[in-house]
PDB file of N, CA and C in Angstrom:
ATOM      1  N   MET A   1     -23.513  -9.003   6.354  1.00  0.00           N
ATOM      2  CA  MET A   1     -22.691  -8.125   6.032  1.00  0.00           C
ATOM      3  C   MET A   1     -22.132  -6.702   5.967  1.00  0.00           C
ATOM      4  N   ILE A   2     -23.472  -5.637   6.251  1.00  0.00           N
ATOM      5  CA  ILE A   2     -23.393  -4.299   6.755  1.00  0.00           C
ATOM      6  C   ILE A   2     -22.522  -4.241   7.813  1.00  0.00           C
ATOM      7  N   ALA A   3     -22.578  -5.015   9.091  1.00  0.00           N
ATOM      8  CA  ALA A   3     -22.261  -4.767  10.460  1.00  0.00           C
ATOM      9  C   ALA A   3     -20.401  -5.137  10.129  1.00  0.00           C
ATOM     10  N   ILE A   4     -20.264  -6.132   9.219  1.00  0.00           N
ATOM     11  CA  ILE A   4     -18.652  -6.310   8.906  1.00  0.00           C
ATOM     12  C   ILE A   4     -18.211  -5.059   8.332  1.00  0.00           C
ATOM     13  N   LEU A   5     -18.714  -4.558   7.339  1.00  0.00           N
ATOM     14  CA  LEU A   5     -18.347  -3.358   6.592  1.00  0.00           C
ATOM     15  C   LEU A   5     -18.351  -2.247   7.396  1.00  0.00           C
ATOM     16  N   LEU A   6     -19.028  -2.093   8.274  1.00  0.00           N
ATOM     17  CA  LEU A   6     -19.270  -0.952   9.460  1.00  0.00           C
ATOM     18  C   LEU A   6     -18.036  -1.028  10.254  1.00  0.00           C
ATOM     19  N   VAL A   7     -17.583  -2.547  10.764  1.00  0.00           N
ATOM     20  CA  VAL A   7     -16.696  -2.523  11.788  1.00  0.00           C
ATOM     21  C   VAL A   7     -15.131  -2.188  11.146  1.00  0.00           C
ATOM     22  N   ILE A   8     -15.100  -2.773   9.769  1.00  0.00           N
ATOM     23  CA  ILE A   8     -14.014  -2.657   9.136  1.00  0.00           C
ATOM     24  C   ILE A   8     -13.931  -1.177   8.843  1.00  0.00           C
ATOM     25  N   HIS A   9     -14.949  -0.354   8.694  1.00  0.00           N
ATOM     26  CA  HIS A   9     -14.836   1.216   8.338  1.00  0.00           C
ATOM     27  C   HIS A   9     -14.245   1.863   9.604  1.00  0.00           C
ATOM     28  N   VAL A  10     -14.673   1.800  10.506  1.00  0.00           N
ATOM     29  CA  VAL A  10     -14.173   2.158  11.914  1.00  0.00           C
ATOM     30  C   VAL A  10     -13.078   1.588  11.886  1.00  0.00           C
ATOM     31  N   LEU A  11     -12.624   0.812  11.804  1.00  0.00           N
ATOM     32  CA  LEU A  11     -11.246   0.077  12.235  1.00  0.00           C
ATOM     33  C   LEU A  11     -10.618   1.099  11.138  1.00  0.00           C
ATOM     34  N   ILE A  12     -10.646   1.279  10.191  1.00  0.00           N
ATOM     35  CA  ILE A  12      -9.977   2.153   9.143  1.00  0.00           C
ATOM     36  C   ILE A  12      -9.797   3.420   9.623  1.00  0.00           C
ATOM     37  N   ALA A  13     -10.748   3.804   9.936  1.00  0.00           N
ATOM     38  CA  ALA A  13     -10.907   5.630  10.520  1.00  0.00           C
ATOM     39  C   ALA A  13      -9.684   6.009  11.481  1.00  0.00           C
ATOM     40  N   LEU A  14      -9.871   4.973  12.533  1.00  0.00           N
ATOM     41  CA  LEU A  14      -8.737   5.195  13.329  1.00  0.00           C
ATOM     42  C   LEU A  14      -7.690   5.176  13.023  1.00  0.00           C
ATOM     43  N   ALA A  15      -7.401   3.908  12.607  1.00  0.00           N
ATOM     44  CA  ALA A  15      -5.722   4.069  11.553  1.00  0.00           C
ATOM     45  C   ALA A  15      -5.370   5.363  10.939  1.00  0.00           C
ATOM     46  N   LEU A  16      -6.881   5.705  10.171  1.00  0.00           N
ATOM     47  CA  LEU A  16      -6.368   7.139   9.508  1.00  0.00           C
ATOM     48  C   LEU A  16      -5.728   8.214  10.399  1.00  0.00           C
ATOM     49  N   ILE A  17      -7.010   8.081  11.527  1.00  0.00           N
ATOM     50  CA  ILE A  17      -6.477   8.547  12.812  1.00  0.00           C
ATOM     51  C   ILE A  17      -5.247   8.876  12.847  1.00  0.00           C
ATOM     52  N   GLY A  18      -4.827   7.578  13.324  1.00  0.00           N
ATOM     53  CA  GLY A  18      -3.455   7.565  13.955  1.00  0.00           C
ATOM     54  C   GLY A  18      -2.605   7.762  13.124  1.00  0.00           C
ATOM     55  N   THR A  19      -2.238   7.396  11.613  1.00  0.00           N
ATOM     56  CA  THR A  19      -1.468   7.612  11.053  1.00  0.00           C
ATOM     57  C   THR A  19      -1.407   9.586  10.849  1.00  0.00           C
ATOM     58  N   VAL A  20      -2.274  10.145  11.029  1.00  0.00           N
ATOM     59  CA  VAL A  20      -2.502  11.579  10.484  1.00  0.00           C
ATOM     60  C   VAL A  20      -1.548  12.228  11.601  1.00  0.00           C
ATOM     61  N   LEU A  21      -1.982  11.695  13.349  1.00  0.00           N
ATOM     62  CA  LEU A  21      -1.681  12.292  14.472  1.00  0.00           C
ATOM     63  C   LEU A  21      -0.182  11.775  14.456  1.00  0.00           C
ATOM     64  N   LEU A  22       0.711  10.724  13.677  1.00  0.00           N
ATOM     65  CA  LEU A  22       1.657  10.233  13.691  1.00  0.00           C
ATOM     66  C   LEU A  22       2.818  11.331  12.858  1.00  0.00           C
ATOM     67  N   GLN A  23       2.116  11.643  12.061  1.00  0.00           N
ATOM     68  CA  GLN A  23       2.745  12.927  10.912  1.00  0.00           C
ATOM     69  C   GLN A  23       3.606  13.922  11.619  1.00  0.00           C
ATOM     70  N   ARG A  24       4.521  14.218  10.881  1.00  0.00           N
ATOM     71  CA  ARG A  24       5.142  15.784  11.836  1.00  0.00           C
ATOM     72  C   ARG A  24       4.675  16.543  11.310  1.00  0.00           C
ATOM     73  N   SER A  25       4.527  17.860  12.026  1.00  0.00           N
ATOM     74  CA  SER A  25       3.965  19.093  11.485  1.00  0.00           C
ATOM     75  C   SER A  25       4.971  19.941  10.540  1.00  0.00           C
ATOM     76  N   GLU A  26       4.590  20.302   9.472  1.00  0.00           N
ATOM     77  CA  GLU A  26       5.326  21.213   8.831  1.00  0.00           C
ATOM     78  C   GLU A  26       5.638  22.392   9.113  1.00  0.00           C
ATOM     79  N   GLY A  27       4.966  23.065  10.020  1.00  0.00           N
ATOM     80  CA  GLY A  27       5.176  24.557  10.220  1.00  0.00           C
ATOM     81  C   GLY A  27       4.543  24.941  12.036  1.00  0.00           C
ATOM     82  N   GLY A  28       4.735  25.967  12.474  1.00  0.00           N
ATOM     83  CA  GLY A  28       4.080  26.525  13.368  1.00  0.00           C
ATOM     84  C   GLY A  28       4.909  25.660  15.113  1.00  0.00           C
ATOM     85  N   ALA A  29       4.178  25.611  16.021  1.00  0.00           N
ATOM     86  CA  ALA A  29       5.169  25.408  16.928  1.00  0.00           C
ATOM     87  C   ALA A  29       5.269  24.023  17.443  1.00  0.00           C
ATOM     88  N   LEU A  30       4.053  23.301  16.961  1.00  0.00           N
ATOM     89  CA  LEU A  30       4.387  21.698  17.103  1.00  0.00           C
ATOM     90  C   LEU A  30       5.273  20.963  16.283  1.00  0.00           C
ATOM     91  N   GLY A  31       6.026  21.427  15.012  1.00  0.00           N
ATOM     92  CA  GLY A  31       7.159  20.809  14.492  1.00  0.00           C
ATOM     93  C   GLY A  31       8.495  20.670  15.458  1.00  0.00           C
ATOM     94  N   SER A  32       8.695  21.798  16.657  1.00  0.00           N
ATOM     95  CA  SER A  32       9.643  21.705  17.453  1.00  0.00           C
ATOM     96  C   SER A  32       9.553  20.722  18.432  1.00  0.00           C
ATOM     97  N   LEU A  33       8.078  20.416  18.542  1.00  0.00           N
ATOM     98  CA  LEU A  33       8.087  19.532  19.888  1.00  0.00           C
ATOM     99  C   LEU A  33       8.662  18.227  19.485  1.00  0.00           C
ATOM    100  N   GLY A  34       8.029  17.880  17.843  1.00  0.00           N
ATOM    101  CA  GLY A  34       8.207  16.553  17.738  1.00  0.00           C
ATOM    102  C   GLY A  34       9.768  15.804  17.577  1.00  0.00           C
ATOM    103  N   GLY A  35      10.208  16.993  17.688  1.00  0.00           N
ATOM    104  CA  GLY A  35      11.579  16.377  17.484  1.00  0.00           C
ATOM    105  C   GLY A  35      11.947  16.228  15.920  1.00  0.00           C
ATOM    106  N   GLY A  36      13.323  16.434  15.273  1.00  0.00           N
ATOM    107  CA  GLY A  36      13.821  16.663  14.004  1.00  0.00           C
ATOM    108  C   GLY A  36      14.181  15.113  13.876  1.00  0.00           C
ATOM    109  N   SER A  37      14.656  15.286  12.731  1.00  0.00           N
ATOM    110  CA  SER A  37      15.392  13.969  11.812  1.00  0.00           C
ATOM    111  C   SER A  37      15.108  12.721  12.542  1.00  0.00           C
ATOM    112  N   GLY A  38      13.819  12.073  12.911  1.00  0.00           N
ATOM    113  CA  GLY A  38      13.453  11.446  13.145  1.00  0.00           C
ATOM    114  C   GLY A  38      13.631  10.550  14.753  1.00  0.00           C
ATOM    115  N   GLY A  39      14.374  11.990  15.450  1.00  0.00           N
ATOM    116  CA  GLY A  39      14.440  11.236  16.734  1.00  0.00           C
ATOM    117  C   GLY A  39      13.203  10.295  17.080  1.00  0.00           C
ATOM    118  N   GLY A  40      12.092  11.009  17.072  1.00  0.00           N
ATOM    119  CA  GLY A  40      10.709  10.575  17.831  1.00  0.00           C
ATOM    120  C   GLY A  40      11.047   9.008  17.197  1.00  0.00           C
ATOM    121  N   MET A  41      11.560   8.558  16.673  1.00  0.00           N
ATOM    122  CA  MET A  41      11.153   7.155  16.311  1.00  0.00           C
ATOM    123  C   MET A  41      12.206   6.276  16.625  1.00  0.00           C
ATOM    124  N   GLY A  42      12.830   6.742  17.748  1.00  0.00           N
ATOM    125  CA  GLY A  42      14.359   5.889  18.326  1.00  0.00           C
ATOM    126  C   GLY A  42      15.218   5.621  17.188  1.00  0.00           C
ATOM    127  N   GLY A  43      15.560   6.351  16.075  1.00  0.00           N
ATOM    128  CA  GLY A  43      16.559   6.050  15.153  1.00  0.00           C
ATOM    129  C   GLY A  43      16.022   4.813  14.246  1.00  0.00           C
ATOM    130  N   PHE A  44      14.917   4.230  14.287  1.00  0.00           N
ATOM    131  CA  PHE A  44      14.439   3.221  13.512  1.00  0.00           C
ATOM    132  C   PHE A  44      14.727   3.607  11.841  1.00  0.00           C
ATOM    133  N   MET A  45      13.951   4.811  11.688  1.00  0.00           N
ATOM    134  CA  MET A  45      13.758   4.916  10.210  1.00  0.00           C
ATOM    135  C   MET A  45      14.362   6.810  10.107  1.00  0.00           C
ATOM    136  N   THR A  46      14.641   7.007   9.325  1.00  0.00           N
ATOM    137  CA  THR A  46      15.183   8.538   9.045  1.00  0.00           C
ATOM    138  C   THR A  46      14.038   9.188   8.765  1.00  0.00           C
ATOM    139  N   ALA A  47      14.007  10.535   9.285  1.00  0.00           N
ATOM    140  CA  ALA A  47      13.142  11.497   9.022  1.00  0.00           C
ATOM    141  C   ALA A  47      12.425  11.629   7.759  1.00  0.00           C
ATOM    142  N   ARG A  48      12.804  11.690   6.523  1.00  0.00           N
ATOM    143  CA  ARG A  48      12.447  11.522   5.255  1.00  0.00           C
ATOM    144  C   ARG A  48      11.559   9.849   5.225  1.00  0.00           C
ATOM    145  N   GLY A  49      12.469   8.426   5.579  1.00  0.00           N
ATOM    146  CA  GLY A  49      11.328   7.248   5.452  1.00  0.00           C
ATOM    147  C   GLY A  49      10.373   7.386   6.078  1.00  0.00           C
ATOM    148  N   SER A  50      10.457   7.838   7.291  1.00  0.00           N
ATOM    149  CA  SER A  50       8.968   8.319   8.209  1.00  0.00           C
ATOM    150  C   SER A  50       8.241   8.542   7.399  1.00  0.00           C
ATOM    151  N   ALA A  51       8.271   9.592   7.092  1.00  0.00           N
ATOM    152  CA  ALA A  51       7.548  10.446   6.212  1.00  0.00           C
ATOM    153  C   ALA A  51       6.986   9.899   5.225  1.00  0.00           C
ATOM    154  N   ASN A  52       7.587   9.264   3.964  1.00  0.00           N
ATOM    155  CA  ASN A  52       7.291   8.843   3.109  1.00  0.00           C
ATOM    156  C   ASN A  52       6.240   7.543   3.616  1.00  0.00           C
ATOM    157  N   LEU A  53       6.780   6.580   4.566  1.00  0.00           N
ATOM    158  CA  LEU A  53       5.761   5.555   4.983  1.00  0.00           C
ATOM    159  C   LEU A  53       4.541   6.123   5.452  1.00  0.00           C
ATOM    160  N   LEU A  54       4.515   7.225   6.422  1.00  0.00           N
ATOM    161  CA  LEU A  54       2.978   7.577   6.722  1.00  0.00           C
ATOM    162  C   LEU A  54       2.148   8.335   5.531  1.00  0.00           C
ATOM    163  N   THR A  55       3.457   9.015   4.750  1.00  0.00           N
ATOM    164  CA  THR A  55       2.354   9.784   3.675  1.00  0.00           C
ATOM    165  C   THR A  55       1.658   8.757   2.991  1.00  0.00           C
ATOM    166  N   ARG A  56       2.228   7.727   2.647  1.00  0.00           N
ATOM    167  CA  ARG A  56       1.832   6.230   1.651  1.00  0.00           C
ATOM    168  C   ARG A  56       0.536   5.723   2.662  1.00  0.00           C
ATOM    169  N   ALA A  57       1.034   5.017   4.071  1.00  0.00           N
ATOM    170  CA  ALA A  57      -0.059   4.713   5.017  1.00  0.00           C
ATOM    171  C   ALA A  57      -1.681   5.613   4.808  1.00  0.00           C
ATOM    172  N   THR A  58      -1.217   7.003   4.817  1.00  0.00           N
ATOM    173  CA  THR A  58      -2.310   7.864   5.079  1.00  0.00           C
ATOM    174  C   THR A  58      -3.246   7.793   3.208  1.00  0.00           C
ATOM    175  N   ALA A  59      -2.354   8.038   2.319  1.00  0.00           N
ATOM    176  CA  ALA A  59      -3.155   7.857   1.192  1.00  0.00           C
ATOM    177  C   ALA A  59      -4.016   6.436   0.794  1.00  0.00           C
ATOM    178  N   ILE A  60      -3.373   5.171   1.394  1.00  0.00           N
ATOM    179  CA  ILE A  60      -3.675   4.189   1.344  1.00  0.00           C
ATOM    180  C   ILE A  60      -5.488   3.829   2.445  1.00  0.00           C
ATOM    181  N   LEU A  61      -5.057   4.246   3.290  1.00  0.00           N
ATOM    182  CA  LEU A  61      -6.302   4.184   4.310  1.00  0.00           C
ATOM    183  C   LEU A  61      -7.223   5.165   3.935  1.00  0.00           C
ATOM    184  N   ALA A  62      -6.968   6.784   3.580  1.00  0.00           N
ATOM    185  CA  ALA A  62      -7.967   7.153   3.050  1.00  0.00           C
ATOM    186  C   ALA A  62      -8.590   6.854   1.768  1.00  0.00           C
ATOM    187  N   THR A  63      -8.060   6.190   1.037  1.00  0.00           N
ATOM    188  CA  THR A  63      -8.429   5.273  -0.450  1.00  0.00           C
ATOM    189  C   THR A  63      -9.765   4.336   0.200  1.00  0.00           C
ATOM    190  N   LEU A  64      -8.881   3.603   1.155  1.00  0.00           N
ATOM    191  CA  LEU A  64      -9.841   2.419   1.791  1.00  0.00           C
ATOM    192  C   LEU A  64     -11.049   3.067   2.588  1.00  0.00           C
ATOM    193  N   PHE A  65     -11.264   4.036   3.086  1.00  0.00           N
ATOM    194  CA  PHE A  65     -12.222   4.705   4.107  1.00  0.00           C
ATOM    195  C   PHE A  65     -13.215   5.529   2.838  1.00  0.00           C
ATOM    196  N   PHE A  66     -12.753   5.740   1.889  1.00  0.00           N
ATOM    197  CA  PHE A  66     -13.473   6.528   0.642  1.00  0.00           C
ATOM    198  C   PHE A  66     -14.262   4.849  -0.012  1.00  0.00           C
ATOM    199  N   LEU A  67     -13.577   3.786   0.193  1.00  0.00           N
ATOM    200  CA  LEU A  67     -14.356   2.600  -0.766  1.00  0.00           C
ATOM    201  C   LEU A  67     -15.407   2.174   0.047  1.00  0.00           C
ATOM    202  N   THR A  68     -15.153   2.438   1.257  1.00  0.00           N
ATOM    203  CA  THR A  68     -15.936   1.471   2.324  1.00  0.00           C
ATOM    204  C   THR A  68     -17.319   2.707   2.686  1.00  0.00           C
ATOM    205  N   SER A  69     -17.025   3.882   2.546  1.00  0.00           N
ATOM    206  CA  SER A  69     -18.368   4.825   2.887  1.00  0.00           C
ATOM    207  C   SER A  69     -18.694   4.818   1.639  1.00  0.00           C
ATOM    208  N   ILE A  70     -18.737   4.338   0.554  1.00  0.00           N
ATOM    209  CA  ILE A  70     -19.316   4.177  -1.078  1.00  0.00           C
ATOM    210  C   ILE A  70     -19.908   3.031  -0.894  1.00  0.00           C
ATOM    211  N   VAL A  71     -19.233   2.081  -0.833  1.00  0.00           N
ATOM    212  CA  VAL A  71     -20.292   0.761  -0.399  1.00  0.00           C
ATOM    213  C   VAL A  71     -21.078   0.719   0.698  1.00  0.00           C
ATOM    214  N   LEU A  72     -20.886   1.074   1.915  1.00  0.00           N
ATOM    215  CA  LEU A  72     -21.744   1.219   2.684  1.00  0.00           C
ATOM    216  C   LEU A  72     -22.933   1.922   2.506  1.00  0.00           C
ATOM    217  N   THR A  73     -22.774   3.511   1.735  1.00  0.00           N
ATOM    218  CA  THR A  73     -23.958   3.902   1.285  1.00  0.00           C
ATOM    219  C   THR A  73     -25.075   3.559   0.194  1.00  0.00           C
ATOM    220  N   MET A  74     -23.854   2.348  -0.744  1.00  0.00           N
ATOM    221  CA  MET A  74     -25.291   1.618  -1.601  1.00  0.00           C
ATOM    222  C   MET A  74     -25.756   0.493  -1.309  1.00  0.00           C
ATOM    223  N   ARG A  75     -24.852   0.111  -0.038  1.00  0.00           N
ATOM    224  CA  ARG A  75     -25.812  -1.073   0.679  1.00  0.00           C
ATOM    225  C   ARG A  75     -27.011  -0.807   1.322  1.00  0.00           C
ATOM    226  N   MET A  76     -26.978   0.514   2.014  1.00  0.00           N
ATOM    227  CA  MET A  76     -28.151   1.042   2.675  1.00  0.00           C
ATOM    228  C   MET A  76     -28.623   1.563   2.092  1.00  0.00           C
ATOM    229  N   GLY A  77     -28.502   2.393   1.153  1.00  0.00           N
ATOM    230  CA  GLY A  77     -29.359   3.008  -0.191  1.00  0.00           C
ATOM    231  C   GLY A  77     -30.747   1.806  -0.620  1.00  0.00           C
ATOM    232  N   ASN A  78     -29.834   0.596  -0.967  1.00  0.00           N
ATOM    233  CA  ASN A  78     -30.767  -0.808  -1.745  1.00  0.00           C
ATOM    234  C   ASN A  78     -31.420  -1.150  -0.490  1.00  0.00           C
ATOM    235  N   MET A  79     -31.079  -1.051   0.497  1.00  0.00           N
ATOM    236  CA  MET A  79     -32.092  -1.578   1.598  1.00  0.00           C
ATOM    237  C   MET A  79     -33.404  -0.955   1.875  1.00  0.00           C
ATOM    238  N   ASN A  80     -32.935   0.405   2.023  1.00  0.00           N
ATOM    239  CA  ASN A  80     -34.438   1.205   2.387  1.00  0.00           C
ATOM    240  C   ASN A  80     -35.467   2.332   1.020  1.00  0.00           C
ATOM    241  N   ALA A  81     -34.920   1.403  -0.202  1.00  0.00           N
ATOM    242  CA  ALA A  81     -35.509   1.774  -1.616  1.00  0.00           C
ATOM    243  C   ALA A  81     -37.029   1.783  -1.396  1.00  0.00           C
ATOM    244  N   PRO A  82     -37.614   3.155  -1.423  1.00  0.00           N
ATOM    245  CA  PRO A  82     -38.893   2.745  -1.724  1.00  0.00           C
ATOM    246  C   PRO A  82     -39.334   2.340  -3.049  1.00  0.00           C
ATOM    247  N   SER A  83     -40.234   1.749  -3.128  1.00  0.00           N
ATOM    248  CA  SER A  83     -40.698   1.322  -4.340  1.00  0.00           C
ATOM    249  C   SER A  83     -41.733   2.805  -4.735  1.00  0.00           C
ATOM    250  N   SER A  84     -41.733   2.215  -6.308  1.00  0.00           N
ATOM    251  CA  SER A  84     -42.160   3.772  -6.856  1.00  0.00           C
ATOM    252  C   SER A  84     -43.845   3.218  -6.709  1.00  0.00           C
ATOM    253  N   ILE A  85     -44.663   4.183  -7.076  1.00  0.00           N
ATOM    254  CA  ILE A  85     -46.094   4.628  -7.230  1.00  0.00           C
ATOM    255  C   ILE A  85     -46.234   3.528  -8.410  1.00  0.00           C
ATOM    256  N   VAL A  86     -45.806   3.929  -9.361  1.00  0.00           N
ATOM    257  CA  VAL A  86     -45.944   3.288 -10.872  1.00  0.00           C
ATOM    258  C   VAL A  86     -45.615   1.978 -10.471  1.00  0.00           C
ATOM    259  N   GLU A  87     -45.012   1.355 -10.253  1.00  0.00           N
ATOM    260  CA  GLU A  87     -44.766  -0.145 -10.190  1.00  0.00           C
ATOM    261  C   GLU A  87     -45.530  -0.718  -9.389  1.00  0.00           C
ATOM    262  N   GLN A  88     -46.226  -0.220  -8.524  1.00  0.00           N
ATOM    263  CA  GLN A  88     -47.038  -1.351  -7.594  1.00  0.00           C
ATOM    264  C   GLN A  88     -48.568  -1.059  -8.040  1.00  0.00           C
ATOM    265  N   PRO A  89     -49.048  -2.470  -8.281  1.00  0.00           N
ATOM    266  CA  PRO A  89     -50.146  -2.521  -8.897  1.00  0.00           C
ATOM    267  C   PRO A  89     -51.560  -1.808  -7.854  1.00  0.00           C
ATOM    268  N   ALA A  90     -52.519  -1.870  -8.718  1.00  0.00           N
ATOM    269  CA  ALA A  90     -53.444  -0.652  -8.518  1.00  0.00           C
ATOM    270  C   ALA A  90     -54.366  -1.455  -7.193  1.00  0.00           C
ATOM    271  N   ALA A  91     -54.780  -1.001  -6.254  1.00  0.00           N
ATOM    272  CA  ALA A  91     -55.169  -1.759  -5.405  1.00  0.00           C
ATOM    273  C   ALA A  91     -57.080  -1.769  -5.884  1.00  0.00           C
ATOM    274  N   PRO A  92     -58.179  -2.620  -5.491  1.00  0.00           N
ATOM    275  CA  PRO A  92     -59.047  -2.880  -5.801  1.00  0.00           C
ATOM    276  C   PRO A  92     -59.862  -1.983  -5.326  1.00  0.00           C
ATOM    277  N   THR A  93     -60.748  -1.110  -5.943  1.00  0.00           N
ATOM    278  CA  THR A  93     -61.582   0.197  -5.214  1.00  0.00           C
ATOM    279  C   THR A  93     -62.572  -0.397  -5.463  1.00  0.00           C
ATOM    280  N   GLN A  94     -63.773  -0.241  -4.301  1.00  0.00           N
ATOM    281  CA  GLN A  94     -64.917  -0.641  -3.556  1.00  0.00           C
ATOM    282  C   GLN A  94     -65.641   0.755  -4.338  1.00  0.00           C
ATOM    283  N   PRO A  95     -67.252   0.580  -4.833  1.00  0.00           N
ATOM    284  CA  PRO A  95     -67.815   2.134  -4.595  1.00  0.00           C
ATOM    285  C   PRO A  95     -68.175   2.413  -3.423  1.00  0.00           C
ATOM    286  N   ALA A  96     -68.079   3.975  -2.972  1.00  0.00           N
ATOM    287  CA  ALA A  96     -68.617   4.180  -1.770  1.00  0.00           C
ATOM    288  C   ALA A  96     -69.704   3.971  -1.569  1.00  0.00           C
ATOM    289  N   ALA A  97     -70.140   3.639  -0.492  1.00  0.00           N
ATOM    290  CA  ALA A  97     -71.593   4.054   0.005  1.00  0.00           C
ATOM    291  C   ALA A  97     -71.911   5.508   0.001  1.00  0.00           C
ATOM    292  N   PRO A  98     -73.351   5.414  -0.363  1.00  0.00           N
ATOM    293  CA  PRO A  98     -74.138   7.068   0.080  1.00  0.00           C
ATOM    294  C   PRO A  98     -73.694   7.265   1.266  1.00  0.00           C
ATOM    295  N   PRO A  99     -73.764   8.596   1.550  1.00  0.00           N
ATOM    296  CA  PRO A  99     -73.262   9.257   2.900  1.00  0.00           C
ATOM    297  C   PRO A  99     -75.109   9.323   3.583  1.00  0.00           C
ATOM    298  N   ALA A 100     -74.771   8.728   4.933  1.00  0.00           N
ATOM    299  CA  ALA A 100     -76.156   8.989   5.912  1.00  0.00           C
ATOM    300  C   ALA A 100     -76.589  10.466   5.685  1.00  0.00           C
ATOM    301  N   PRO A 101     -77.494  10.615   5.775  1.00  0.00           N
ATOM    302  CA  PRO A 101     -78.293  12.229   5.732  1.00  0.00           C
ATOM    303  C   PRO A 101     -77.747  12.714   7.411  1.00  0.00           C
ATOM    304  N   SER A 102     -77.499  13.752   7.320  1.00  0.00           N
ATOM    305  CA  SER A 102     -77.125  14.915   8.425  1.00  0.00           C
ATOM    306  C   SER A 102     -78.429  14.855   8.906  1.00  0.00           C
ATOM    307  N   VAL A 103     -79.536  15.241   8.278  1.00  0.00           N
ATOM    308  CA  VAL A 103     -80.764  15.896   8.814  1.00  0.00           C
ATOM    309  C   VAL A 103     -81.962  14.892   8.904  1.00  0.00           C
ATOM    310  N   PRO A 104     -82.655  14.313  10.068  1.00  0.00           N
ATOM    311  CA  PRO A 104     -83.663  13.047  10.009  1.00  0.00           C
ATOM    312  C   PRO A 104     -84.522  13.413   8.954  1.00  0.00           C
ATOM    313  N   LEU A 105     -84.753  12.293   8.140  1.00  0.00           N
ATOM    314  CA  LEU A 105     -85.704  12.328   7.305  1.00  0.00           C
ATOM    315  C   LEU A 105     -87.301  12.003   7.918  1.00  0.00           C
ATOM    316  N   ARG A 106     -88.548  12.711   7.270  1.00  0.00           N
ATOM    317  CA  ARG A 106     -89.841  12.358   7.706  1.00  0.00           C
ATOM    318  C   ARG A 106     -90.120  10.716   7.253  1.00  0.00           C
TER     319      ARG A 106
END
């Protein structure tokens, strides 16, 4: 189960990276390189339409990324949860043997 969630988590992370990189920059020199008015999309969508689509996709992927992160954290936390000392049964104790003398006796 955890392996499947981890694979899904990585795929969502890669898709999130891709959608963020596809978005048009709002300022700086990168905005002029991407071309304006949706020319980079080959006329498939307008600039506003592609921006709305990428914004929604980013929001959905970010939500899925956080959800899978929380689920993975909860699943991994339950696997390695140390048990409490209070809940463990007491181990039977045996009386200690008297120590051997350190000096030889006569």
